[in-house]
Every structure is written in structure tokens, then in C-alpha cells.
Amino acid sequence: MTIKSFISGTGSYLPERILTNKELEKMVDTTDEWIVQRSGIKERRIAAKDETTTDMAIKAAKRAIESAGISAEQINGVIVATTTADSTFPSVAVKVQSALGIPPCPAFDVQAVCTGFVYAFSTADAFIKTGLASCVLVIGAEKMSSIIDWTDRTTCVLFADGAGAAILEARDAEEDEGLEGQGVHSTHLYANGDQKDLLFCNRGETLKMEGKEVFKYAVTYLADIVGEVLAHNRIHPDQIDWLVPHQANIRIIESTAKKLGTPMEKVVVTIDRHGNTSAASIPLALDEAVRDGRIKRGQMVLIEAMGGGLTWGAALFRF
């Protein structure tokens, strides 16, 4: 018998405030047509001024715990992926732990920007496979509106707020069940610090991005990592039921799907309504597709993302 990790529950939260492209037309020199054509975004959610990243993370976590059918007392690991923590320290993770009544256990934040959830997911998987934990709460939560220059039309139209969560639990797996077994099959993580200046945010400042360069590398890196996942697991693209990508740009999503040979009908797309919520985008999209019945138990799912650093990563699992 071997130990594998599987997703037992998902949850998400979006702020009430909806900011449309039409509203942005009144704030900066842009148009709805330009935003949709360049990014695929039609609207996005913006957190209230007094609503913190931790607040959103807690709400998403509660829904994931309920979905998994467990109690907070059963959780023995909390990992939060975020770029927009409420404070330098303590971490969002320990605040979530306290708010939910989770017993003493490892609790920490991971910072890999848009790839953050994949990094946190991979870390939780490693904790479970090595016996360091048996039930890990993994969260992606961001208040990107807090680090955006609302006079910069190239970035303020893209980013948004929200949180998503997943519960990873240990399960005993037969060694010969292979890819047919439920759980995480592989994770793949990368970073290239030489490209750190293409997308960055210094302390106390707002986000800066070289959009064309980031787009170019995103297309290349995500195509490469999709190929790596296929080769590593010795599978054909037809064996993947759903692609759940980071929601950064519809053109990047379409390019990755094309590389994978996956029709857009098998790609979970939320960018039109959610915008780019950084580390929260994958768990938000995953939870939506689980709850509306698209992603079903036993199906194979590929998640992938690229973010500032530059960082990029992917994970393959059978839900």
C-alpha cells in the first residue's frame, strides 16, 4: 500500500462588489471592447475596503470543509497561497487556523504570485505522501485591488479579488492502480529569477508588469509544462477530462488548450467574470466546476499557472 493525497472538498468566495468594464471606462482611458479583446474579461469582483485577504480565505475554507464532510479539528496542516497578506506577519494561514479552531499544526503562507496555489497544492501533496500530515487545508486568496494603480489602464482592468480552497486528505492506494486511482499523480514546479523584473510589486508600491513579455513567456512556459505532465505520466491529451488553468488571459488559456489538443469545451474558464485573481484563480475555477457538476468524481484534471518571479507549475490529479 502507498499513501496518496486526494481532494475531498472544495470551496470558494467572491466579494459582493462587481466592477464592470463600462465602469472602468469612466475611470481610465479604455473601452469594454479593448478589455474583452485583449484579456477576455467582462467584469471582476472587488473586495470592500474593510474586507481582508484573511476574511475571504476563511469564507472559502469553511465551504471547503463543509464540502469535504469533515470538521476543522481533523485538519493538521494549513497552507495559504497569497501575494496580498494582511500583514508582514503573522501569516494569513495562522489567522485562518485560529478563526476556524484548527488544532496546533503546520500553518504558513506560500508566495509564488499567480502560481501560488499550484505551489501550495504541491507542498500539501508532499506533506501527505511523506506522512507529515493527513488532512491539509490549501487556500488561494488575494486582494489584488490593494496593490493596483487604478490610474494604470494596462493593469487595473486585469486584476481582482477572491479566494478558493481545497481539502487534501490521505488515502491508501494500491501500488498497481496507476493513473486509474483517485488522487494526485504528479506536480511540477519551476521559477526563473532572472525574469523577476517582468512582473513585480515592491513593498508599499503598486504592481508593475511588462505585459508583452509576460504574455510571451506564459505561452512558452505553459506549453512546455503541459508537455512535461503528459510525458511524465505517459498519457495522451485525450485522457485529461478537464483543464483548469490560471485565469490570466483568454488568449493564453486558448493557446495552452491548443497545445494540449483540448477543445475549449473541456477547459474551465471564469476569467470573463472573475478577472485575474492571482493565486485564487485556480481554486475559484475548480470549485465552480465541481459545484455546477462539470467536474465529476473519477475524472482526470490538469491545473497549471504562471506568475511573477517568473514562476510556473502544474499538477495532474484524478478527482
C-alpha atoms as a PDB file:
ATOM      1  CA  MET A   1       0.000   0.000   0.000  1.00  0.00           C
ATOM      2  CA  THR A   2       1.131   3.551  -0.721  1.00  0.00           C
ATOM      3  CA  ILE A   3      -0.182   6.866   0.565  1.00  0.00           C
ATOM      4  CA  LYS A   4      -1.687   9.274  -1.945  1.00  0.00           C
ATOM      5  CA  SER A   5      -3.452  12.587  -1.471  1.00  0.00           C
ATOM      6  CA  PHE A   6      -6.864  13.324  -2.938  1.00  0.00           C
ATOM      7  CA  ILE A   7      -9.186  16.310  -2.982  1.00  0.00           C
ATOM      8  CA  SER A   8     -12.089  15.590  -0.651  1.00  0.00           C
ATOM      9  CA  GLY A   9     -13.703  19.024  -0.849  1.00  0.00           C
ATOM     10  CA  THR A  10     -13.556  22.453  -2.474  1.00  0.00           C
ATOM     11  CA  GLY A  11     -14.863  25.898  -1.597  1.00  0.00           C
ATOM     12  CA  SER A  12     -14.699  29.486  -2.792  1.00  0.00           C
ATOM     13  CA  TYR A  13     -15.700  33.044  -2.040  1.00  0.00           C
ATOM     14  CA  LEU A  14     -16.171  36.150  -4.185  1.00  0.00           C
ATOM     15  CA  PRO A  15     -16.740  39.678  -2.861  1.00  0.00           C
ATOM     16  CA  GLU A  16     -20.151  41.243  -3.497  1.00  0.00           C
ATOM     17  CA  ARG A  17     -18.875  44.266  -5.446  1.00  0.00           C
ATOM     18  CA  ILE A  18     -18.888  43.749  -9.215  1.00  0.00           C
ATOM     19  CA  LEU A  19     -16.763  46.156 -11.261  1.00  0.00           C
ATOM     20  CA  THR A  20     -17.713  46.116 -14.943  1.00  0.00           C
ATOM     21  CA  ASN A  21     -15.725  47.251 -17.955  1.00  0.00           C
ATOM     22  CA  LYS A  22     -18.270  50.010 -18.501  1.00  0.00           C
ATOM     23  CA  GLU A  23     -17.436  51.395 -15.067  1.00  0.00           C
ATOM     24  CA  LEU A  24     -13.716  51.239 -15.850  1.00  0.00           C
ATOM     25  CA  GLU A  25     -14.353  53.285 -18.988  1.00  0.00           C
ATOM     26  CA  LYS A  26     -15.248  56.156 -16.643  1.00  0.00           C
ATOM     27  CA  MET A  27     -12.106  55.671 -14.540  1.00  0.00           C
ATOM     28  CA  VAL A  28      -9.331  55.299 -17.134  1.00  0.00           C
ATOM     29  CA  ASP A  29      -8.819  55.695 -20.877  1.00  0.00           C
ATOM     30  CA  THR A  30     -10.077  52.283 -22.004  1.00  0.00           C
ATOM     31  CA  THR A  31     -13.070  50.598 -23.589  1.00  0.00           C
ATOM     32  CA  ASP A  32     -15.088  47.468 -22.949  1.00  0.00           C
ATOM     33  CA  GLU A  33     -14.195  46.240 -26.434  1.00  0.00           C
ATOM     34  CA  TRP A  34     -10.461  46.697 -25.848  1.00  0.00           C
ATOM     35  CA  ILE A  35     -10.516  44.894 -22.486  1.00  0.00           C
ATOM     36  CA  VAL A  36     -12.537  41.935 -23.790  1.00  0.00           C
ATOM     37  CA  GLN A  37     -10.438  41.617 -26.942  1.00  0.00           C
ATOM     38  CA  ARG A  38      -7.112  41.714 -25.097  1.00  0.00           C
ATOM     39  CA  SER A  39      -7.995  39.721 -21.977  1.00  0.00           C
ATOM     40  CA  GLY A  40     -11.463  38.163 -22.209  1.00  0.00           C
ATOM     41  CA  ILE A  41     -12.548  39.965 -19.011  1.00  0.00           C
ATOM     42  CA  LYS A  42     -16.027  41.488 -18.833  1.00  0.00           C
ATOM     43  CA  GLU A  43     -16.284  42.065 -15.086  1.00  0.00           C
ATOM     44  CA  ARG A  44     -14.432  41.331 -11.877  1.00  0.00           C
ATOM     45  CA  ARG A  45     -15.054  41.265  -8.095  1.00  0.00           C
ATOM     46  CA  ILE A  46     -13.538  43.873  -5.785  1.00  0.00           C
ATOM     47  CA  ALA A  47     -13.347  43.418  -2.008  1.00  0.00           C
ATOM     48  CA  ALA A  48     -14.768  46.020   0.332  1.00  0.00           C
ATOM     49  CA  LYS A  49     -12.246  48.378   1.942  1.00  0.00           C
ATOM     50  CA  ASP A  50     -12.601  46.659   5.307  1.00  0.00           C
ATOM     51  CA  GLU A  51     -12.586  43.147   3.794  1.00  0.00           C
ATOM     52  CA  THR A  52      -9.206  41.462   4.166  1.00  0.00           C
ATOM     53  CA  THR A  53      -7.483  38.594   2.411  1.00  0.00           C
ATOM     54  CA  THR A  54      -7.926  36.595   5.616  1.00  0.00           C
ATOM     55  CA  ASP A  55     -11.668  37.305   5.674  1.00  0.00           C
ATOM     56  CA  MET A  56     -12.034  35.886   2.162  1.00  0.00           C
ATOM     57  CA  ALA A  57      -9.767  32.917   2.909  1.00  0.00           C
ATOM     58  CA  ILE A  58     -11.852  31.962   5.959  1.00  0.00           C
ATOM     59  CA  LYS A  59     -15.099  32.003   3.984  1.00  0.00           C
ATOM     60  CA  ALA A  60     -13.667  29.838   1.205  1.00  0.00           C
ATOM     61  CA  ALA A  61     -12.145  27.454   3.776  1.00  0.00           C
ATOM     62  CA  LYS A  62     -15.448  26.982   5.595  1.00  0.00           C
ATOM     63  CA  ARG A  63     -17.126  25.960   2.354  1.00  0.00           C
ATOM     64  CA  ALA A  64     -14.322  23.526   1.506  1.00  0.00           C
ATOM     65  CA  ILE A  65     -14.526  21.933   4.960  1.00  0.00           C
ATOM     66  CA  GLU A  66     -18.291  21.553   4.607  1.00  0.00           C
ATOM     67  CA  SER A  67     -17.864  20.079   1.125  1.00  0.00           C
ATOM     68  CA  ALA A  68     -15.346  17.536   2.418  1.00  0.00           C
ATOM     69  CA  GLY A  69     -17.669  16.490   5.229  1.00  0.00           C
ATOM     70  CA  ILE A  70     -15.012  16.898   7.895  1.00  0.00           C
ATOM     71  CA  SER A  71     -14.563  19.034  10.993  1.00  0.00           C
ATOM     72  CA  ALA A  72     -11.889  21.683  11.477  1.00  0.00           C
ATOM     73  CA  GLU A  73     -10.426  19.521  14.278  1.00  0.00           C
ATOM     74  CA  GLN A  74      -9.411  16.886  11.687  1.00  0.00           C
ATOM     75  CA  ILE A  75      -7.169  19.296   9.772  1.00  0.00           C
ATOM     76  CA  ASN A  76      -3.457  19.029  10.579  1.00  0.00           C
ATOM     77  CA  GLY A  77      -1.967  21.427   8.040  1.00  0.00           C
ATOM     78  CA  VAL A  78      -2.884  24.860   6.637  1.00  0.00           C
ATOM     79  CA  ILE A  79      -1.171  26.349   3.592  1.00  0.00           C
ATOM     80  CA  VAL A  80      -2.285  29.666   2.127  1.00  0.00           C
ATOM     81  CA  ALA A  81      -1.061  30.950  -1.235  1.00  0.00           C
ATOM     82  CA  THR A  82      -1.226  34.747  -1.296  1.00  0.00           C
ATOM     83  CA  THR A  83       0.622  37.806  -2.535  1.00  0.00           C
ATOM     84  CA  THR A  84      -1.548  40.188  -0.551  1.00  0.00           C
ATOM     85  CA  ALA A  85      -1.310  39.123   3.078  1.00  0.00           C
ATOM     86  CA  ASP A  86      -2.938  41.479   5.598  1.00  0.00           C
ATOM     87  CA  SER A  87       0.327  41.929   7.482  1.00  0.00           C
ATOM     88  CA  THR A  88       4.002  41.106   7.174  1.00  0.00           C
ATOM     89  CA  PHE A  89       3.389  38.642   9.993  1.00  0.00           C
ATOM     90  CA  PRO A  90       1.646  36.700  11.336  1.00  0.00           C
ATOM     91  CA  SER A  91       0.656  34.813   8.203  1.00  0.00           C
ATOM     92  CA  VAL A  92      -2.826  34.549   6.780  1.00  0.00           C
ATOM     93  CA  ALA A  93      -2.586  30.803   7.452  1.00  0.00           C
ATOM     94  CA  VAL A  94      -2.302  31.153  11.242  1.00  0.00           C
ATOM     95  CA  LYS A  95      -5.185  33.647  11.261  1.00  0.00           C
ATOM     96  CA  VAL A  96      -7.317  31.134   9.367  1.00  0.00           C
ATOM     97  CA  GLN A  97      -6.215  28.399  11.765  1.00  0.00           C
ATOM     98  CA  SER A  98      -7.271  30.458  14.769  1.00  0.00           C
ATOM     99  CA  ALA A  99     -10.589  31.571  13.269  1.00  0.00           C
ATOM    100  CA  LEU A 100     -11.625  28.037  12.361  1.00  0.00           C
ATOM    101  CA  GLY A 101     -10.451  26.367  15.569  1.00  0.00           C
ATOM    102  CA  ILE A 102      -7.901  24.142  13.831  1.00  0.00           C
ATOM    103  CA  PRO A 103      -5.598  22.426  16.378  1.00  0.00           C
ATOM    104  CA  PRO A 104      -1.859  23.228  16.526  1.00  0.00           C
ATOM    105  CA  CYS A 105      -0.209  22.090  13.278  1.00  0.00           C
ATOM    106  CA  PRO A 106       1.989  23.478  10.488  1.00  0.00           C
ATOM    107  CA  ALA A 107       0.374  26.676   9.168  1.00  0.00           C
ATOM    108  CA  PHE A 108       2.154  29.018   6.762  1.00  0.00           C
ATOM    109  CA  ASP A 109       1.821  31.182   3.650  1.00  0.00           C
ATOM    110  CA  VAL A 110       3.331  30.497   0.231  1.00  0.00           C
ATOM    111  CA  GLN A 111       4.203  33.367  -2.105  1.00  0.00           C
ATOM    112  CA  ALA A 112       4.542  32.484  -5.791  1.00  0.00           C
ATOM    113  CA  VAL A 113       2.015  35.027  -7.098  1.00  0.00           C
ATOM    114  CA  CYS A 114      -0.295  33.528  -9.746  1.00  0.00           C
ATOM    115  CA  THR A 115       1.376  30.123  -9.442  1.00  0.00           C
ATOM    116  CA  GLY A 116       0.892  30.212  -5.679  1.00  0.00           C
ATOM    117  CA  PHE A 117      -1.969  27.737  -5.464  1.00  0.00           C
ATOM    118  CA  VAL A 118      -0.057  25.151  -7.508  1.00  0.00           C
ATOM    119  CA  TYR A 119       2.956  25.603  -5.202  1.00  0.00           C
ATOM    120  CA  ALA A 120       0.755  25.260  -2.097  1.00  0.00           C
ATOM    121  CA  PHE A 121      -1.080  22.279  -3.587  1.00  0.00           C
ATOM    122  CA  SER A 122       2.230  20.549  -4.375  1.00  0.00           C
ATOM    123  CA  THR A 123       3.528  21.233  -0.858  1.00  0.00           C
ATOM    124  CA  ALA A 124       0.386  19.786   0.714  1.00  0.00           C
ATOM    125  CA  ASP A 125       0.681  16.715  -1.507  1.00  0.00           C
ATOM    126  CA  ALA A 126       4.294  16.231  -0.368  1.00  0.00           C
ATOM    127  CA  PHE A 127       3.312  16.611   3.296  1.00  0.00           C
ATOM    128  CA  ILE A 128       0.702  13.885   2.906  1.00  0.00           C
ATOM    129  CA  LYS A 129       2.848  11.474   0.876  1.00  0.00           C
ATOM    130  CA  THR A 130       5.688  11.720   3.406  1.00  0.00           C
ATOM    131  CA  GLY A 131       3.404  11.292   6.401  1.00  0.00           C
ATOM    132  CA  LEU A 132       3.839  14.814   7.792  1.00  0.00           C
ATOM    133  CA  ALA A 133       0.083  15.421   7.561  1.00  0.00           C
ATOM    134  CA  SER A 134      -3.087  13.543   6.713  1.00  0.00           C
ATOM    135  CA  CYS A 135      -5.551  16.368   6.080  1.00  0.00           C
ATOM    136  CA  VAL A 136      -4.353  19.698   4.692  1.00  0.00           C
ATOM    137  CA  LEU A 137      -6.386  22.837   4.019  1.00  0.00           C
ATOM    138  CA  VAL A 138      -4.985  24.568   0.922  1.00  0.00           C
ATOM    139  CA  ILE A 139      -6.162  28.091   0.120  1.00  0.00           C
ATOM    140  CA  GLY A 140      -5.506  30.646  -2.604  1.00  0.00           C
ATOM    141  CA  ALA A 141      -6.653  34.103  -1.502  1.00  0.00           C
ATOM    142  CA  GLU A 142      -5.933  37.547  -2.904  1.00  0.00           C
ATOM    143  CA  LYS A 143      -6.941  41.173  -2.518  1.00  0.00           C
ATOM    144  CA  MET A 144      -5.200  42.323  -5.686  1.00  0.00           C
ATOM    145  CA  SER A 145      -7.186  45.566  -5.661  1.00  0.00           C
ATOM    146  CA  SER A 146      -4.980  46.679  -2.744  1.00  0.00           C
ATOM    147  CA  ILE A 147      -1.803  46.722  -4.871  1.00  0.00           C
ATOM    148  CA  ILE A 148      -3.225  48.054  -8.151  1.00  0.00           C
ATOM    149  CA  ASP A 149      -2.653  51.525  -9.559  1.00  0.00           C
ATOM    150  CA  TRP A 150      -6.187  52.488 -10.528  1.00  0.00           C
ATOM    151  CA  THR A 151      -4.846  55.075 -12.986  1.00  0.00           C
ATOM    152  CA  ASP A 152      -2.815  52.477 -14.921  1.00  0.00           C
ATOM    153  CA  ARG A 153      -5.109  51.221 -17.674  1.00  0.00           C
ATOM    154  CA  THR A 154      -2.794  48.312 -18.536  1.00  0.00           C
ATOM    155  CA  THR A 155      -3.121  46.631 -15.134  1.00  0.00           C
ATOM    156  CA  CYS A 156      -6.224  47.924 -13.346  1.00  0.00           C
ATOM    157  CA  VAL A 157      -8.508  46.257 -15.915  1.00  0.00           C
ATOM    158  CA  LEU A 158      -6.980  42.824 -15.270  1.00  0.00           C
ATOM    159  CA  PHE A 159      -6.782  42.059 -11.560  1.00  0.00           C
ATOM    160  CA  ALA A 160      -9.453  41.248  -8.986  1.00  0.00           C
ATOM    161  CA  ASP A 161     -10.179  39.744  -5.572  1.00  0.00           C
ATOM    162  CA  GLY A 162     -11.427  36.422  -4.225  1.00  0.00           C
ATOM    163  CA  ALA A 163     -10.493  33.149  -2.537  1.00  0.00           C
ATOM    164  CA  GLY A 164     -10.678  29.443  -3.243  1.00  0.00           C
ATOM    165  CA  ALA A 165      -9.834  26.401  -1.137  1.00  0.00           C
ATOM    166  CA  ALA A 166      -9.394  22.649  -1.266  1.00  0.00           C
ATOM    167  CA  ILE A 167      -9.052  19.906   1.324  1.00  0.00           C
ATOM    168  CA  LEU A 168      -6.371  17.322   0.561  1.00  0.00           C
ATOM    169  CA  GLU A 169      -6.625  14.078   2.515  1.00  0.00           C
ATOM    170  CA  ALA A 170      -4.510  10.949   2.689  1.00  0.00           C
ATOM    171  CA  ARG A 171      -5.770   7.681   1.220  1.00  0.00           C
ATOM    172  CA  ASP A 172      -4.328   4.198   0.984  1.00  0.00           C
ATOM    173  CA  ALA A 173      -3.692   3.306  -2.637  1.00  0.00           C
ATOM    174  CA  GLU A 174      -2.858   0.025  -4.297  1.00  0.00           C
ATOM    175  CA  GLU A 175       0.522   0.188  -5.993  1.00  0.00           C
ATOM    176  CA  ASP A 176      -0.852  -1.226  -9.248  1.00  0.00           C
ATOM    177  CA  GLU A 177      -3.838   1.108  -9.617  1.00  0.00           C
ATOM    178  CA  GLY A 178      -1.719   3.653 -11.501  1.00  0.00           C
ATOM    179  CA  LEU A 179      -3.425   6.563 -13.192  1.00  0.00           C
ATOM    180  CA  GLU A 180      -6.830   4.970 -12.688  1.00  0.00           C
ATOM    181  CA  GLY A 181      -6.619   5.669  -8.966  1.00  0.00           C
ATOM    182  CA  GLN A 182      -8.108   8.729  -7.337  1.00  0.00           C
ATOM    183  CA  GLY A 183      -5.652  11.353  -6.145  1.00  0.00           C
ATOM    184  CA  VAL A 184      -2.672  13.488  -7.128  1.00  0.00           C
ATOM    185  CA  HIS A 185      -0.450  11.828  -9.726  1.00  0.00           C
ATOM    186  CA  SER A 186       2.242  14.440 -10.241  1.00  0.00           C
ATOM    187  CA  THR A 187       3.177  18.051  -9.562  1.00  0.00           C
ATOM    188  CA  HIS A 188       5.709  20.160 -11.446  1.00  0.00           C
ATOM    189  CA  LEU A 189       7.165  23.468 -10.200  1.00  0.00           C
ATOM    190  CA  TYR A 190       9.592  25.980 -11.718  1.00  0.00           C
ATOM    191  CA  ALA A 191      10.907  29.519 -11.303  1.00  0.00           C
ATOM    192  CA  ASN A 192      13.348  31.735 -13.188  1.00  0.00           C
ATOM    193  CA  GLY A 193      14.542  34.625 -11.042  1.00  0.00           C
ATOM    194  CA  ASP A 194      16.342  36.215 -13.997  1.00  0.00           C
ATOM    195  CA  GLN A 195      12.881  37.331 -15.138  1.00  0.00           C
ATOM    196  CA  LYS A 196      11.856  38.859 -11.816  1.00  0.00           C
ATOM    197  CA  ASP A 197      11.590  42.384 -13.246  1.00  0.00           C
ATOM    198  CA  LEU A 198       8.895  41.493 -15.781  1.00  0.00           C
ATOM    199  CA  LEU A 199       6.171  41.405 -13.141  1.00  0.00           C
ATOM    200  CA  PHE A 200       6.776  42.776  -9.661  1.00  0.00           C
ATOM    201  CA  CYS A 201       5.439  44.805  -6.757  1.00  0.00           C
ATOM    202  CA  ASN A 202       7.806  46.465  -4.301  1.00  0.00           C
ATOM    203  CA  ARG A 203       6.710  46.953  -0.696  1.00  0.00           C
ATOM    204  CA  GLY A 204       4.417  49.955  -0.391  1.00  0.00           C
ATOM    205  CA  GLU A 205       4.109  50.349  -4.155  1.00  0.00           C
ATOM    206  CA  THR A 206       1.720  49.123  -6.844  1.00  0.00           C
ATOM    207  CA  LEU A 207       2.055  46.262  -9.281  1.00  0.00           C
ATOM    208  CA  LYS A 208       4.203  46.746 -12.395  1.00  0.00           C
ATOM    209  CA  MET A 209       4.074  44.484 -15.435  1.00  0.00           C
ATOM    210  CA  GLU A 210       5.759  44.180 -18.825  1.00  0.00           C
ATOM    211  CA  GLY A 211       2.639  42.783 -20.446  1.00  0.00           C
ATOM    212  CA  LYS A 212       4.011  41.696 -23.824  1.00  0.00           C
ATOM    213  CA  GLU A 213       6.996  39.904 -22.307  1.00  0.00           C
ATOM    214  CA  VAL A 214       4.890  38.189 -19.648  1.00  0.00           C
ATOM    215  CA  PHE A 215       2.442  37.037 -22.323  1.00  0.00           C
ATOM    216  CA  LYS A 216       5.277  35.627 -24.450  1.00  0.00           C
ATOM    217  CA  TYR A 217       6.799  33.644 -21.616  1.00  0.00           C
ATOM    218  CA  ALA A 218       3.417  32.454 -20.363  1.00  0.00           C
ATOM    219  CA  VAL A 219       2.619  30.886 -23.715  1.00  0.00           C
ATOM    220  CA  THR A 220       6.044  29.211 -23.869  1.00  0.00           C
ATOM    221  CA  TYR A 221       6.318  28.017 -20.277  1.00  0.00           C
ATOM    222  CA  LEU A 222       2.765  26.707 -20.036  1.00  0.00           C
ATOM    223  CA  ALA A 223       3.096  24.832 -23.314  1.00  0.00           C
ATOM    224  CA  ASP A 224       6.335  23.281 -22.058  1.00  0.00           C
ATOM    225  CA  ILE A 225       4.929  22.230 -18.693  1.00  0.00           C
ATOM    226  CA  VAL A 226       1.814  20.727 -20.255  1.00  0.00           C
ATOM    227  CA  GLY A 227       4.103  18.625 -22.419  1.00  0.00           C
ATOM    228  CA  GLU A 228       6.119  17.639 -19.346  1.00  0.00           C
ATOM    229  CA  VAL A 229       2.997  16.480 -17.485  1.00  0.00           C
ATOM    230  CA  LEU A 230       1.934  14.333 -20.438  1.00  0.00           C
ATOM    231  CA  ALA A 231       5.389  12.802 -20.844  1.00  0.00           C
ATOM    232  CA  HIS A 232       5.934  12.216 -17.122  1.00  0.00           C
ATOM    233  CA  ASN A 233       2.632  10.382 -16.729  1.00  0.00           C
ATOM    234  CA  ARG A 234       2.835   8.710 -20.149  1.00  0.00           C
ATOM    235  CA  ILE A 235      -0.626   9.823 -21.100  1.00  0.00           C
ATOM    236  CA  HIS A 236      -2.352  11.201 -24.173  1.00  0.00           C
ATOM    237  CA  PRO A 237      -4.201  14.540 -24.041  1.00  0.00           C
ATOM    238  CA  ASP A 238      -7.469  12.659 -24.621  1.00  0.00           C
ATOM    239  CA  GLN A 239      -7.081  11.108 -21.158  1.00  0.00           C
ATOM    240  CA  ILE A 240      -7.434  14.519 -19.492  1.00  0.00           C
ATOM    241  CA  ASP A 241     -11.078  15.335 -18.832  1.00  0.00           C
ATOM    242  CA  TRP A 242     -10.650  18.924 -17.681  1.00  0.00           C
ATOM    243  CA  LEU A 243      -8.050  21.667 -17.916  1.00  0.00           C
ATOM    244  CA  VAL A 244      -8.353  24.207 -15.090  1.00  0.00           C
ATOM    245  CA  PRO A 245      -5.849  26.950 -15.927  1.00  0.00           C
ATOM    246  CA  HIS A 246      -4.870  30.107 -14.123  1.00  0.00           C
ATOM    247  CA  GLN A 247      -7.266  32.781 -15.335  1.00  0.00           C
ATOM    248  CA  ALA A 248      -4.855  35.451 -16.582  1.00  0.00           C
ATOM    249  CA  ASN A 249      -5.778  35.996 -20.210  1.00  0.00           C
ATOM    250  CA  ILE A 250      -8.180  34.191 -22.525  1.00  0.00           C
ATOM    251  CA  ARG A 251      -5.574  34.122 -25.307  1.00  0.00           C
ATOM    252  CA  ILE A 252      -3.078  32.358 -23.051  1.00  0.00           C
ATOM    253  CA  ILE A 253      -5.763  29.874 -21.996  1.00  0.00           C
ATOM    254  CA  GLU A 254      -6.694  29.171 -25.615  1.00  0.00           C
ATOM    255  CA  SER A 255      -3.025  28.738 -26.558  1.00  0.00           C
ATOM    256  CA  THR A 256      -2.468  26.203 -23.766  1.00  0.00           C
ATOM    257  CA  ALA A 257      -5.610  24.290 -24.731  1.00  0.00           C
ATOM    258  CA  LYS A 258      -4.408  24.177 -28.334  1.00  0.00           C
ATOM    259  CA  LYS A 259      -1.029  22.802 -27.256  1.00  0.00           C
ATOM    260  CA  LEU A 260      -2.818  20.159 -25.212  1.00  0.00           C
ATOM    261  CA  GLY A 261      -5.148  19.365 -28.083  1.00  0.00           C
ATOM    262  CA  THR A 262      -8.088  20.021 -25.770  1.00  0.00           C
ATOM    263  CA  PRO A 263     -11.313  21.610 -27.044  1.00  0.00           C
ATOM    264  CA  MET A 264     -12.391  24.718 -25.145  1.00  0.00           C
ATOM    265  CA  GLU A 265     -15.490  22.794 -24.029  1.00  0.00           C
ATOM    266  CA  LYS A 266     -13.169  20.869 -21.701  1.00  0.00           C
ATOM    267  CA  VAL A 267     -11.493  23.989 -20.302  1.00  0.00           C
ATOM    268  CA  VAL A 268     -12.872  25.719 -17.214  1.00  0.00           C
ATOM    269  CA  VAL A 269     -12.993  29.445 -17.987  1.00  0.00           C
ATOM    270  CA  THR A 270     -14.008  32.040 -15.394  1.00  0.00           C
ATOM    271  CA  ILE A 271     -11.849  34.996 -16.435  1.00  0.00           C
ATOM    272  CA  ASP A 272     -14.796  36.743 -18.083  1.00  0.00           C
ATOM    273  CA  ARG A 273     -16.496  37.068 -14.670  1.00  0.00           C
ATOM    274  CA  HIS A 274     -13.643  36.781 -12.173  1.00  0.00           C
ATOM    275  CA  GLY A 275     -10.737  38.598 -13.831  1.00  0.00           C
ATOM    276  CA  ASN A 276      -7.227  37.659 -12.731  1.00  0.00           C
ATOM    277  CA  THR A 277      -7.384  36.791  -9.036  1.00  0.00           C
ATOM    278  CA  SER A 278      -3.768  35.570  -8.947  1.00  0.00           C
ATOM    279  CA  ALA A 279      -3.342  32.636  -6.521  1.00  0.00           C
ATOM    280  CA  ALA A 280      -7.110  32.422  -6.028  1.00  0.00           C
ATOM    281  CA  SER A 281      -7.993  31.871  -9.692  1.00  0.00           C
ATOM    282  CA  ILE A 282      -7.441  28.098  -9.983  1.00  0.00           C
ATOM    283  CA  PRO A 283      -9.293  27.099  -6.776  1.00  0.00           C
ATOM    284  CA  LEU A 284     -12.107  29.524  -7.657  1.00  0.00           C
ATOM    285  CA  ALA A 285     -12.486  27.934 -11.089  1.00  0.00           C
ATOM    286  CA  LEU A 286     -12.113  24.414  -9.705  1.00  0.00           C
ATOM    287  CA  ASP A 287     -14.811  24.922  -7.085  1.00  0.00           C
ATOM    288  CA  GLU A 288     -17.212  26.451  -9.602  1.00  0.00           C
ATOM    289  CA  ALA A 289     -16.813  23.500 -11.978  1.00  0.00           C
ATOM    290  CA  VAL A 290     -17.196  20.962  -9.156  1.00  0.00           C
ATOM    291  CA  ARG A 291     -20.318  22.610  -7.780  1.00  0.00           C
ATOM    292  CA  ASP A 292     -22.055  23.034 -11.136  1.00  0.00           C
ATOM    293  CA  GLY A 293     -21.432  19.376 -11.960  1.00  0.00           C
ATOM    294  CA  ARG A 294     -18.940  19.702 -14.779  1.00  0.00           C
ATOM    295  CA  ILE A 295     -16.064  18.096 -12.876  1.00  0.00           C
ATOM    296  CA  LYS A 296     -17.187  14.728 -11.552  1.00  0.00           C
ATOM    297  CA  ARG A 297     -15.585  12.132  -9.303  1.00  0.00           C
ATOM    298  CA  GLY A 298     -13.210   9.882 -11.209  1.00  0.00           C
ATOM    299  CA  GLN A 299     -12.305  12.459 -13.849  1.00  0.00           C
ATOM    300  CA  MET A 300      -8.738  13.492 -14.646  1.00  0.00           C
ATOM    301  CA  VAL A 301      -7.926  17.176 -14.080  1.00  0.00           C
ATOM    302  CA  LEU A 302      -4.882  19.247 -15.034  1.00  0.00           C
ATOM    303  CA  ILE A 303      -4.208  22.581 -13.325  1.00  0.00           C
ATOM    304  CA  GLU A 304      -1.484  24.966 -14.481  1.00  0.00           C
ATOM    305  CA  ALA A 305      -0.325  28.548 -13.923  1.00  0.00           C
ATOM    306  CA  MET A 306       2.417  31.121 -14.459  1.00  0.00           C
ATOM    307  CA  GLY A 307       3.080  34.188 -12.345  1.00  0.00           C
ATOM    308  CA  GLY A 308       5.588  36.774 -11.198  1.00  0.00           C
ATOM    309  CA  GLY A 309       9.069  35.564 -10.415  1.00  0.00           C
ATOM    310  CA  LEU A 310       8.700  34.258 -13.007  1.00  0.00           C
ATOM    311  CA  THR A 311       7.149  31.113 -11.547  1.00  0.00           C
ATOM    312  CA  TRP A 312       5.167  28.389 -13.260  1.00  0.00           C
ATOM    313  CA  GLY A 313       3.767  24.991 -12.377  1.00  0.00           C
ATOM    314  CA  ALA A 314       1.198  22.283 -12.992  1.00  0.00           C
ATOM    315  CA  ALA A 315      -0.432  19.333 -11.256  1.00  0.00           C
ATOM    316  CA  LEU A 316      -2.340  16.311 -12.530  1.00  0.00           C
ATOM    317  CA  PHE A 317      -4.926  14.564 -10.382  1.00  0.00           C
ATOM    318  CA  ARG A 318      -7.944  12.284 -10.629  1.00  0.00           C
ATOM    319  CA  PHE A 319     -10.788  13.975  -8.791  1.00  0.00           C
END
